Amino acid sequence: MVAGWAVAAVATAAVGTAALDIVGAGILGPDNRPLSQADVARELATASARPSPSATPSTPPSSVQSGPAPRGLSTTGGSLVAICDGDVVTLQSWSPAQGFRTDDDIERGPGPAASLKFKRDHEEYEITVTCRAGEPSVVSVPDDH
């Protein structure tokens, strides 16, 4: 019985190895050896000598119209990114600090103000973002639920 088990184990290992070789060749291609430093240098030289297929003519900076720029803001409970368009603010993203989470009631905007809450245990901060002179401005107030 032990001899039968050993034969079955060896056969299973051989079949598994053969299957992995076949699958590996299909995924990695027929030449799936690591590249040497010389191979990498040669490939990089060849790649940089060819123009990129998606290369497009660049637009001169003077003709690029600049719009509102996103601004990162930090608070006690986390950080956020907001953008102002005149007096209208929009929250683009937010990330609670370690140990904090956000409340589900988030007012992203666009509007005159955007808001969210960062919470941790018994701490809660009401975050309000408005625009002042076209720039996001944040106020963080502890909330004593």
N, C-alpha and C. Protein backbone atom coordinates (compact mmCIF):
# COMPACT_ATOMS: atom_id res chain seq x y z
N MET A 1 0.83 -1.19 0.00
CA MET A 1 0.00 0.00 0.00
C MET A 1 0.88 1.26 0.00
N VAL A 2 1.96 1.23 0.76
CA VAL A 2 2.87 2.36 0.81
C VAL A 2 3.52 2.56 -0.56
N ALA A 3 3.88 1.45 -1.22
CA ALA A 3 4.49 1.55 -2.55
C ALA A 3 3.51 2.16 -3.55
N GLY A 4 2.24 1.80 -3.46
CA GLY A 4 1.22 2.36 -4.34
C GLY A 4 1.05 3.86 -4.11
N TRP A 5 1.07 4.26 -2.84
CA TRP A 5 0.95 5.68 -2.52
C TRP A 5 2.16 6.45 -3.07
N ALA A 6 3.35 5.91 -2.94
CA ALA A 6 4.57 6.56 -3.43
C ALA A 6 4.53 6.71 -4.95
N VAL A 7 4.07 5.66 -5.66
CA VAL A 7 3.97 5.73 -7.11
C VAL A 7 2.96 6.81 -7.52
N ALA A 8 1.83 6.86 -6.81
CA ALA A 8 0.80 7.87 -7.11
C ALA A 8 1.33 9.27 -6.85
N ALA A 9 2.09 9.45 -5.77
CA ALA A 9 2.65 10.77 -5.45
C ALA A 9 3.64 11.22 -6.51
N VAL A 10 4.52 10.31 -6.94
CA VAL A 10 5.51 10.64 -7.96
C VAL A 10 4.82 10.97 -9.28
N ALA A 11 3.80 10.20 -9.64
CA ALA A 11 3.07 10.44 -10.90
C ALA A 11 2.36 11.80 -10.85
N THR A 12 1.75 12.12 -9.72
CA THR A 12 1.06 13.40 -9.57
C THR A 12 2.04 14.56 -9.68
N ALA A 13 3.19 14.42 -9.04
CA ALA A 13 4.21 15.48 -9.11
C ALA A 13 4.70 15.66 -10.54
N ALA A 14 4.91 14.55 -11.27
CA ALA A 14 5.39 14.63 -12.64
C ALA A 14 4.36 15.30 -13.54
N VAL A 15 3.08 14.93 -13.39
CA VAL A 15 2.02 15.53 -14.20
C VAL A 15 1.89 17.02 -13.86
N GLY A 16 1.95 17.36 -12.58
CA GLY A 16 1.86 18.77 -12.17
C GLY A 16 3.00 19.60 -12.72
N THR A 17 4.20 19.08 -12.66
CA THR A 17 5.37 19.79 -13.18
C THR A 17 5.26 19.99 -14.69
N ALA A 18 4.83 18.97 -15.40
CA ALA A 18 4.66 19.08 -16.85
C ALA A 18 3.59 20.12 -17.19
N ALA A 19 2.50 20.12 -16.44
CA ALA A 19 1.42 21.08 -16.68
C ALA A 19 1.91 22.51 -16.44
N LEU A 20 2.67 22.72 -15.38
CA LEU A 20 3.20 24.05 -15.09
C LEU A 20 4.18 24.50 -16.16
N ASP A 21 4.99 23.58 -16.68
CA ASP A 21 5.91 23.93 -17.76
C ASP A 21 5.14 24.38 -19.00
N ILE A 22 4.05 23.67 -19.32
CA ILE A 22 3.25 24.01 -20.50
C ILE A 22 2.56 25.35 -20.30
N VAL A 23 1.95 25.54 -19.14
CA VAL A 23 1.25 26.80 -18.86
C VAL A 23 2.25 27.94 -18.80
N GLY A 24 3.38 27.73 -18.14
CA GLY A 24 4.40 28.78 -18.04
C GLY A 24 4.91 29.20 -19.39
N ALA A 25 5.11 28.24 -20.29
CA ALA A 25 5.58 28.58 -21.63
C ALA A 25 4.53 29.39 -22.37
N GLY A 26 3.25 29.09 -22.12
CA GLY A 26 2.19 29.84 -22.79
C GLY A 26 2.07 31.25 -22.25
N ILE A 27 2.28 31.44 -20.98
CA ILE A 27 2.14 32.75 -20.38
C ILE A 27 3.38 33.61 -20.64
N LEU A 28 4.53 33.04 -20.39
CA LEU A 28 5.77 33.80 -20.48
C LEU A 28 6.42 33.76 -21.85
N GLY A 29 5.92 32.93 -22.72
CA GLY A 29 6.52 32.80 -24.05
C GLY A 29 7.56 31.70 -24.04
N PRO A 30 8.07 31.37 -25.19
CA PRO A 30 9.01 30.26 -25.27
C PRO A 30 10.35 30.58 -24.61
N ASP A 31 10.72 31.85 -24.55
CA ASP A 31 12.01 32.23 -23.97
C ASP A 31 11.76 32.94 -22.65
N ASN A 32 11.51 32.16 -21.60
CA ASN A 32 11.13 32.77 -20.33
C ASN A 32 12.29 32.80 -19.34
N ARG A 33 13.46 33.15 -19.82
CA ARG A 33 14.62 33.27 -18.97
C ARG A 33 14.76 34.72 -18.52
N PRO A 34 15.38 34.97 -17.38
CA PRO A 34 15.60 36.35 -16.94
C PRO A 34 16.54 37.08 -17.90
N LEU A 35 16.34 38.36 -18.05
CA LEU A 35 17.21 39.16 -18.90
C LEU A 35 18.48 39.52 -18.14
N SER A 36 19.59 39.54 -18.86
CA SER A 36 20.85 39.98 -18.26
C SER A 36 20.88 41.50 -18.30
N GLN A 37 21.87 42.08 -17.64
CA GLN A 37 22.00 43.53 -17.64
C GLN A 37 22.25 44.04 -19.07
N ALA A 38 23.01 43.30 -19.85
CA ALA A 38 23.27 43.68 -21.24
C ALA A 38 21.99 43.61 -22.07
N ASP A 39 21.14 42.57 -21.82
CA ASP A 39 19.86 42.46 -22.53
C ASP A 39 18.97 43.66 -22.22
N VAL A 40 18.92 44.05 -20.96
CA VAL A 40 18.08 45.19 -20.55
C VAL A 40 18.58 46.46 -21.22
N ALA A 41 19.90 46.69 -21.21
CA ALA A 41 20.47 47.89 -21.84
C ALA A 41 20.15 47.91 -23.33
N ARG A 42 20.25 46.76 -24.00
CA ARG A 42 19.97 46.67 -25.43
C ARG A 42 18.49 46.98 -25.69
N GLU A 43 17.60 46.42 -24.89
CA GLU A 43 16.16 46.67 -25.07
C GLU A 43 15.83 48.14 -24.83
N LEU A 44 16.43 48.75 -23.82
CA LEU A 44 16.17 50.16 -23.55
C LEU A 44 16.68 51.04 -24.68
N ALA A 45 17.85 50.73 -25.22
CA ALA A 45 18.40 51.50 -26.34
C ALA A 45 17.50 51.39 -27.55
N THR A 46 16.98 50.20 -27.81
CA THR A 46 16.08 49.99 -28.95
C THR A 46 14.77 50.73 -28.73
N ALA A 47 14.24 50.67 -27.52
CA ALA A 47 12.96 51.32 -27.22
C ALA A 47 13.08 52.83 -27.31
N SER A 48 14.18 53.41 -26.82
CA SER A 48 14.30 54.87 -26.84
C SER A 48 14.62 55.38 -28.24
N ALA A 49 15.11 54.54 -29.12
CA ALA A 49 15.41 54.96 -30.49
C ALA A 49 14.14 55.04 -31.34
N ARG A 50 13.09 54.30 -30.95
CA ARG A 50 11.84 54.31 -31.69
C ARG A 50 10.92 55.37 -31.13
N PRO A 51 10.18 56.10 -31.99
CA PRO A 51 9.21 57.05 -31.47
C PRO A 51 8.02 56.31 -30.86
N SER A 52 7.45 56.88 -29.85
CA SER A 52 6.29 56.29 -29.20
C SER A 52 5.10 56.33 -30.15
N PRO A 53 4.32 55.23 -30.25
CA PRO A 53 3.18 55.23 -31.16
C PRO A 53 2.11 56.22 -30.74
N SER A 54 2.06 56.57 -29.46
CA SER A 54 1.02 57.48 -29.01
C SER A 54 1.53 58.91 -28.88
N ALA A 55 2.72 59.18 -29.43
CA ALA A 55 3.28 60.53 -29.33
C ALA A 55 2.41 61.50 -30.11
N THR A 56 2.10 62.60 -29.48
CA THR A 56 1.32 63.64 -30.13
C THR A 56 2.09 64.95 -30.01
N PRO A 57 1.89 65.85 -30.93
CA PRO A 57 2.58 67.12 -30.83
C PRO A 57 2.19 67.82 -29.53
N SER A 58 3.15 68.42 -28.87
CA SER A 58 2.84 69.09 -27.61
C SER A 58 2.28 70.48 -27.88
N THR A 59 1.44 70.93 -26.97
CA THR A 59 0.85 72.25 -27.07
C THR A 59 1.72 73.22 -26.31
N PRO A 60 2.05 74.33 -26.90
CA PRO A 60 2.88 75.30 -26.18
C PRO A 60 2.18 75.74 -24.90
N PRO A 61 2.92 75.93 -23.81
CA PRO A 61 2.30 76.29 -22.53
C PRO A 61 1.47 77.55 -22.59
N SER A 62 1.81 78.49 -23.45
CA SER A 62 1.07 79.74 -23.50
C SER A 62 -0.36 79.55 -23.99
N SER A 63 -0.62 78.47 -24.74
CA SER A 63 -1.96 78.26 -25.25
C SER A 63 -2.80 77.33 -24.38
N VAL A 64 -2.23 76.81 -23.29
CA VAL A 64 -2.95 75.93 -22.40
C VAL A 64 -3.79 76.78 -21.46
N GLN A 65 -5.08 76.50 -21.44
CA GLN A 65 -5.95 77.24 -20.54
C GLN A 65 -5.91 76.59 -19.17
N SER A 66 -5.63 77.39 -18.18
CA SER A 66 -5.57 76.82 -16.83
C SER A 66 -6.92 76.98 -16.16
N GLY A 67 -7.36 75.92 -15.54
CA GLY A 67 -8.61 75.95 -14.79
C GLY A 67 -8.29 75.90 -13.31
N PRO A 68 -9.30 75.71 -12.51
CA PRO A 68 -9.07 75.62 -11.08
C PRO A 68 -8.16 74.43 -10.76
N ALA A 69 -7.29 74.60 -9.80
CA ALA A 69 -6.36 73.53 -9.41
C ALA A 69 -6.81 72.90 -8.10
N PRO A 70 -6.76 71.58 -8.01
CA PRO A 70 -7.11 70.92 -6.75
C PRO A 70 -6.11 71.30 -5.67
N ARG A 71 -6.57 71.33 -4.43
CA ARG A 71 -5.71 71.69 -3.31
C ARG A 71 -5.87 70.65 -2.20
N GLY A 72 -4.75 70.17 -1.69
CA GLY A 72 -4.75 69.25 -0.56
C GLY A 72 -4.85 70.01 0.74
N LEU A 73 -5.69 69.53 1.64
CA LEU A 73 -5.89 70.17 2.94
C LEU A 73 -5.80 69.12 4.04
N SER A 74 -5.20 69.50 5.18
CA SER A 74 -5.06 68.57 6.31
C SER A 74 -5.88 69.06 7.49
N THR A 75 -6.46 68.09 8.21
CA THR A 75 -7.22 68.40 9.42
C THR A 75 -6.81 67.40 10.50
N THR A 76 -7.37 67.56 11.68
CA THR A 76 -7.07 66.64 12.78
C THR A 76 -7.47 65.21 12.45
N GLY A 77 -8.60 65.01 11.79
CA GLY A 77 -9.10 63.67 11.53
C GLY A 77 -8.70 63.06 10.21
N GLY A 78 -8.04 63.83 9.34
CA GLY A 78 -7.64 63.29 8.06
C GLY A 78 -7.29 64.38 7.08
N SER A 79 -7.19 64.00 5.82
CA SER A 79 -6.86 64.96 4.78
C SER A 79 -7.88 64.86 3.66
N LEU A 80 -7.93 65.90 2.83
CA LEU A 80 -8.88 65.92 1.72
C LEU A 80 -8.32 66.75 0.58
N VAL A 81 -8.92 66.58 -0.57
CA VAL A 81 -8.57 67.35 -1.75
C VAL A 81 -9.85 68.02 -2.23
N ALA A 82 -9.77 69.35 -2.38
CA ALA A 82 -10.93 70.13 -2.82
C ALA A 82 -10.51 71.03 -3.97
N ILE A 83 -11.50 71.46 -4.74
CA ILE A 83 -11.24 72.36 -5.85
C ILE A 83 -12.32 73.44 -5.83
N CYS A 84 -11.88 74.67 -6.09
CA CYS A 84 -12.80 75.80 -6.15
C CYS A 84 -12.93 76.29 -7.58
N ASP A 85 -14.13 76.63 -7.94
CA ASP A 85 -14.39 77.29 -9.21
C ASP A 85 -15.17 78.55 -8.83
N GLY A 86 -14.44 79.63 -8.64
CA GLY A 86 -15.06 80.84 -8.09
C GLY A 86 -15.39 80.59 -6.63
N ASP A 87 -16.67 80.74 -6.28
CA ASP A 87 -17.12 80.50 -4.90
C ASP A 87 -17.74 79.11 -4.73
N VAL A 88 -17.60 78.25 -5.74
CA VAL A 88 -18.21 76.91 -5.69
C VAL A 88 -17.11 75.88 -5.40
N VAL A 89 -17.31 75.10 -4.33
CA VAL A 89 -16.32 74.11 -3.91
C VAL A 89 -16.83 72.70 -4.19
N THR A 90 -15.89 71.80 -4.52
CA THR A 90 -16.19 70.38 -4.71
C THR A 90 -15.11 69.57 -4.02
N LEU A 91 -15.52 68.61 -3.17
CA LEU A 91 -14.57 67.68 -2.58
C LEU A 91 -14.27 66.62 -3.63
N GLN A 92 -12.99 66.45 -3.93
CA GLN A 92 -12.61 65.44 -4.90
C GLN A 92 -12.27 64.11 -4.24
N SER A 93 -11.62 64.16 -3.09
CA SER A 93 -11.28 62.94 -2.37
C SER A 93 -10.97 63.28 -0.92
N TRP A 94 -10.97 62.24 -0.08
CA TRP A 94 -10.65 62.41 1.33
C TRP A 94 -10.07 61.11 1.85
N SER A 95 -9.29 61.24 2.92
CA SER A 95 -8.65 60.08 3.50
C SER A 95 -8.56 60.28 5.01
N PRO A 96 -9.24 59.44 5.78
CA PRO A 96 -9.16 59.59 7.23
C PRO A 96 -7.75 59.30 7.74
N ALA A 97 -7.36 59.97 8.82
CA ALA A 97 -6.09 59.68 9.47
C ALA A 97 -6.19 58.30 10.12
N GLN A 98 -5.04 57.74 10.48
CA GLN A 98 -5.03 56.41 11.09
C GLN A 98 -5.92 56.39 12.33
N GLY A 99 -6.81 55.41 12.39
CA GLY A 99 -7.73 55.27 13.51
C GLY A 99 -9.05 55.99 13.31
N PHE A 100 -9.14 56.87 12.32
CA PHE A 100 -10.37 57.60 12.05
C PHE A 100 -11.14 56.93 10.91
N ARG A 101 -12.39 57.29 10.78
CA ARG A 101 -13.23 56.85 9.67
C ARG A 101 -14.11 58.03 9.28
N THR A 102 -14.77 57.96 8.14
CA THR A 102 -15.67 59.04 7.72
C THR A 102 -17.11 58.63 7.98
N ASP A 103 -17.91 59.61 8.25
CA ASP A 103 -19.35 59.44 8.40
C ASP A 103 -19.92 59.23 7.00
N ASP A 104 -21.06 58.56 6.89
CA ASP A 104 -21.68 58.33 5.59
C ASP A 104 -22.32 59.59 5.01
N ASP A 105 -22.59 60.58 5.84
CA ASP A 105 -23.28 61.80 5.40
C ASP A 105 -22.26 62.82 4.90
N ILE A 106 -21.81 62.65 3.65
CA ILE A 106 -20.80 63.52 3.06
C ILE A 106 -21.46 64.43 2.03
N GLU A 107 -21.21 65.72 2.15
CA GLU A 107 -21.70 66.70 1.17
C GLU A 107 -20.52 67.09 0.29
N ARG A 108 -20.39 66.46 -0.87
CA ARG A 108 -19.25 66.68 -1.77
C ARG A 108 -19.29 68.01 -2.50
N GLY A 109 -20.48 68.55 -2.73
CA GLY A 109 -20.60 69.70 -3.59
C GLY A 109 -20.88 69.20 -5.00
N PRO A 110 -20.81 70.02 -5.98
CA PRO A 110 -20.45 71.43 -5.94
C PRO A 110 -21.51 72.27 -5.24
N GLY A 111 -21.03 73.27 -4.53
CA GLY A 111 -21.91 74.17 -3.81
C GLY A 111 -21.09 75.21 -3.06
N PRO A 112 -21.78 76.06 -2.31
CA PRO A 112 -21.07 77.11 -1.56
C PRO A 112 -20.22 76.52 -0.43
N ALA A 113 -20.57 75.30 0.03
CA ALA A 113 -19.78 74.63 1.08
C ALA A 113 -19.87 73.12 0.86
N ALA A 114 -18.82 72.43 1.29
CA ALA A 114 -18.80 70.97 1.27
C ALA A 114 -18.44 70.54 2.69
N SER A 115 -18.91 69.34 3.09
CA SER A 115 -18.63 68.93 4.47
C SER A 115 -18.59 67.42 4.60
N LEU A 116 -17.90 67.00 5.67
CA LEU A 116 -17.85 65.60 6.05
C LEU A 116 -17.43 65.53 7.51
N LYS A 117 -17.52 64.33 8.10
CA LYS A 117 -17.10 64.13 9.48
C LYS A 117 -16.06 63.03 9.53
N PHE A 118 -14.98 63.28 10.28
CA PHE A 118 -14.01 62.27 10.62
C PHE A 118 -14.29 61.85 12.05
N LYS A 119 -14.41 60.52 12.28
CA LYS A 119 -14.75 60.00 13.60
C LYS A 119 -13.72 58.99 14.07
N ARG A 120 -13.52 58.97 15.41
CA ARG A 120 -12.68 57.95 16.05
C ARG A 120 -13.20 57.81 17.47
N ASP A 121 -13.58 56.59 17.83
CA ASP A 121 -14.11 56.31 19.17
C ASP A 121 -15.12 57.39 19.56
N HIS A 122 -14.76 58.21 20.55
CA HIS A 122 -15.69 59.25 21.02
C HIS A 122 -15.33 60.63 20.49
N GLU A 123 -14.39 60.69 19.54
CA GLU A 123 -14.01 61.95 18.91
C GLU A 123 -14.74 62.08 17.58
N GLU A 124 -15.15 63.29 17.26
CA GLU A 124 -15.80 63.55 15.98
C GLU A 124 -15.47 64.98 15.56
N TYR A 125 -15.04 65.15 14.32
CA TYR A 125 -14.70 66.47 13.80
C TYR A 125 -15.55 66.76 12.58
N GLU A 126 -16.25 67.86 12.63
CA GLU A 126 -17.04 68.34 11.50
C GLU A 126 -16.11 69.18 10.63
N ILE A 127 -15.92 68.76 9.38
CA ILE A 127 -15.02 69.44 8.45
C ILE A 127 -15.87 70.18 7.43
N THR A 128 -15.65 71.49 7.30
CA THR A 128 -16.37 72.30 6.32
C THR A 128 -15.35 72.98 5.42
N VAL A 129 -15.59 72.89 4.12
CA VAL A 129 -14.70 73.50 3.14
C VAL A 129 -15.50 74.53 2.35
N THR A 130 -14.95 75.72 2.25
CA THR A 130 -15.53 76.79 1.44
C THR A 130 -14.43 77.36 0.56
N CYS A 131 -14.79 78.31 -0.28
CA CYS A 131 -13.81 78.96 -1.15
C CYS A 131 -13.62 80.40 -0.71
N ARG A 132 -12.35 80.78 -0.59
CA ARG A 132 -12.00 82.17 -0.30
C ARG A 132 -11.05 82.63 -1.39
N ALA A 133 -11.45 83.62 -2.14
CA ALA A 133 -10.65 84.15 -3.25
C ALA A 133 -10.25 83.03 -4.22
N GLY A 134 -11.18 82.09 -4.45
CA GLY A 134 -10.94 81.02 -5.41
C GLY A 134 -10.08 79.88 -4.90
N GLU A 135 -9.74 79.86 -3.61
CA GLU A 135 -8.92 78.81 -3.00
C GLU A 135 -9.71 78.09 -1.92
N PRO A 136 -9.60 76.75 -1.84
CA PRO A 136 -10.29 76.02 -0.78
C PRO A 136 -9.77 76.42 0.61
N SER A 137 -10.70 76.56 1.54
CA SER A 137 -10.38 76.89 2.92
C SER A 137 -11.13 75.91 3.81
N VAL A 138 -10.44 75.34 4.81
CA VAL A 138 -11.04 74.30 5.63
C VAL A 138 -11.19 74.79 7.08
N VAL A 139 -12.30 74.38 7.69
CA VAL A 139 -12.52 74.63 9.11
C VAL A 139 -12.87 73.26 9.72
N SER A 140 -12.15 72.90 10.80
CA SER A 140 -12.40 71.64 11.50
C SER A 140 -12.87 71.97 12.92
N VAL A 141 -14.09 71.52 13.24
CA VAL A 141 -14.66 71.83 14.54
C VAL A 141 -14.98 70.53 15.26
N PRO A 142 -14.51 70.38 16.51
CA PRO A 142 -14.89 69.18 17.28
C PRO A 142 -16.41 69.16 17.45
N ASP A 143 -17.01 68.02 17.23
CA ASP A 143 -18.45 67.87 17.36
C ASP A 143 -18.74 67.12 18.64
N ASP A 144 -19.49 67.75 19.54
CA ASP A 144 -19.83 67.12 20.83
C ASP A 144 -21.17 66.43 20.74
N HIS A 145 -21.31 65.49 19.81
CA HIS A 145 -22.59 64.83 19.55
C HIS A 145 -23.43 64.94 20.74
